[in-house]
Amino acid sequence: MKKEKGQRPLYIDFDQHTDGDAEFKRELVSLIIADITELQKSLVAATRSNNPDVFLKGCHKSKTTVEIVNDKEFSLLLEELEAKIVQEKYFRSAVLEEQILLFNKLSTDVLESLSELSQ
């Protein structure tokens, strides 16, 4: 685990998922990046359309990826955000907006750290 200034540490056990295969590791990193990016886009689409189901489907689809990323703060925030969206059924509360901003920051930080691995 390497941490550069401004990067989020990664706790992904790549050997567990790739058996040490460097090419498969690069492919896995690319898949994780694509999945988290899609999750971010689903949140944007859900807030624009005020349709929680769009984000909830994105969360369901990315559960395995979030588990692989193994970032407890990111996972917990995503669970809280998902529960809050289910509870409120809309995106206009201050608490929810704060969680969305934090999710966007954390997911972007994770993506930046993963991007370093894909180079």
Protein backbone atom coordinates (compact mmCIF):
# COMPACT_ATOMS: atom_id res chain seq x y z
CA MET A 1 0.00 0.00 0.00
CA LYS A 2 1.59 3.21 -1.17
CA LYS A 3 0.27 6.64 -0.32
CA GLU A 4 1.19 9.77 -2.20
CA LYS A 5 0.23 13.29 -1.16
CA GLY A 6 -3.48 13.73 -1.76
CA GLN A 7 -4.08 10.06 -2.47
CA ARG A 8 -6.40 7.82 -0.51
CA PRO A 9 -4.73 4.65 0.76
CA LEU A 10 -5.97 1.47 -0.91
CA TYR A 11 -6.64 -1.67 1.09
CA ILE A 12 -7.34 -3.93 -1.86
CA ASP A 13 -5.82 -7.40 -1.57
CA PHE A 14 -4.99 -7.76 -5.25
CA ASP A 15 -3.18 -11.08 -4.75
CA GLN A 16 -6.38 -12.59 -3.36
CA HIS A 17 -8.25 -11.59 -6.51
CA THR A 18 -5.53 -12.00 -9.16
CA ASP A 19 -3.16 -14.72 -7.88
CA GLY A 20 -0.32 -12.26 -8.49
CA ASP A 21 -1.04 -11.99 -12.23
CA ALA A 22 0.08 -8.43 -13.15
CA GLU A 23 -2.00 -8.28 -16.34
CA PHE A 24 -5.13 -9.42 -14.51
CA LYS A 25 -4.40 -6.85 -11.77
CA ARG A 26 -4.36 -4.06 -14.39
CA GLU A 27 -7.60 -5.40 -15.83
CA LEU A 28 -9.18 -5.59 -12.37
CA VAL A 29 -8.12 -2.01 -11.60
CA SER A 30 -9.72 -0.87 -14.86
CA LEU A 31 -12.94 -2.71 -14.02
CA ILE A 32 -13.06 -1.20 -10.53
CA ILE A 33 -12.49 2.28 -11.93
CA ALA A 34 -15.27 1.78 -14.48
CA ASP A 35 -17.68 0.46 -11.86
CA ILE A 36 -17.08 3.29 -9.36
CA THR A 37 -17.37 5.83 -12.17
CA GLU A 38 -20.69 4.27 -13.18
CA LEU A 39 -21.84 4.42 -9.54
CA GLN A 40 -21.00 8.14 -9.44
CA LYS A 41 -22.94 8.67 -12.67
CA SER A 42 -25.94 6.79 -11.27
CA LEU A 43 -26.00 9.15 -8.30
CA VAL A 44 -25.90 12.19 -10.60
CA ALA A 45 -28.68 10.73 -12.76
CA ALA A 46 -30.77 9.87 -9.70
CA THR A 47 -30.46 13.35 -8.21
CA ARG A 48 -31.23 15.06 -11.53
CA SER A 49 -34.32 12.96 -12.11
CA ASN A 50 -35.17 12.75 -8.38
CA ASN A 51 -35.45 8.99 -8.90
CA PRO A 52 -33.76 7.08 -6.05
CA ASP A 53 -34.14 3.76 -7.88
CA VAL A 54 -31.45 4.77 -10.39
CA PHE A 55 -28.86 5.08 -7.60
CA LEU A 56 -30.15 2.08 -5.67
CA LYS A 57 -29.70 -0.11 -8.77
CA GLY A 58 -26.19 1.30 -9.16
CA CYS A 59 -25.42 0.44 -5.54
CA HIS A 60 -26.69 -3.10 -5.99
CA LYS A 61 -24.63 -3.56 -9.15
CA SER A 62 -21.44 -2.29 -7.51
CA LYS A 63 -21.65 -4.19 -4.19
CA THR A 64 -18.89 -6.63 -5.16
CA THR A 65 -16.63 -3.82 -6.33
CA VAL A 66 -17.13 -1.92 -3.08
CA GLU A 67 -16.25 -5.09 -1.14
CA ILE A 68 -13.07 -5.54 -3.22
CA VAL A 69 -12.05 -1.90 -2.63
CA ASN A 70 -12.18 -2.73 1.09
CA ASP A 71 -12.35 0.91 2.19
CA LYS A 72 -14.40 0.88 5.38
CA GLU A 73 -15.19 4.61 5.35
CA PHE A 74 -16.27 4.46 1.70
CA SER A 75 -18.39 1.32 2.28
CA LEU A 76 -20.05 2.72 5.39
CA LEU A 77 -20.83 6.03 3.72
CA LEU A 78 -22.33 4.24 0.74
CA GLU A 79 -24.52 2.10 3.05
CA GLU A 80 -25.66 5.20 4.96
CA LEU A 81 -26.36 7.09 1.75
CA GLU A 82 -28.34 4.18 0.35
CA ALA A 83 -30.39 3.85 3.56
CA LYS A 84 -31.03 7.59 3.72
CA ILE A 85 -32.21 7.65 0.11
CA VAL A 86 -34.56 4.71 0.77
CA GLN A 87 -35.87 6.43 3.90
CA GLU A 88 -36.37 9.89 2.41
CA LYS A 89 -37.25 8.98 -1.19
CA TYR A 90 -35.84 12.28 -2.42
CA PHE A 91 -32.54 14.16 -2.60
CA ARG A 92 -33.24 17.57 -1.13
CA SER A 93 -32.37 17.23 2.58
CA ALA A 94 -29.27 18.96 3.93
CA VAL A 95 -27.99 15.75 5.54
CA LEU A 96 -28.39 13.83 2.32
CA GLU A 97 -26.73 16.56 0.27
CA GLU A 98 -23.78 16.52 2.71
CA GLN A 99 -23.49 12.73 2.36
CA ILE A 100 -23.62 13.03 -1.43
CA LEU A 101 -20.77 15.57 -1.38
CA LEU A 102 -18.71 13.31 0.89
CA PHE A 103 -19.45 10.29 -1.31
CA ASN A 104 -18.32 12.22 -4.39
CA LYS A 105 -15.09 13.24 -2.66
CA LEU A 106 -14.30 9.76 -1.32
CA SER A 107 -15.12 8.02 -4.58
CA THR A 108 -13.02 10.52 -6.53
CA ASP A 109 -10.11 9.99 -4.11
CA VAL A 110 -10.42 6.21 -4.53
CA LEU A 111 -10.51 6.63 -8.32
CA GLU A 112 -7.39 8.80 -8.26
CA SER A 113 -5.51 6.24 -6.17
CA LEU A 114 -6.63 3.43 -8.51
CA SER A 115 -5.58 5.48 -11.54
CA GLU A 116 -2.05 5.58 -10.16
CA LEU A 117 -2.02 1.77 -10.22
CA SER A 118 -3.24 1.56 -13.80
CA GLN A 119 -0.33 3.59 -15.18
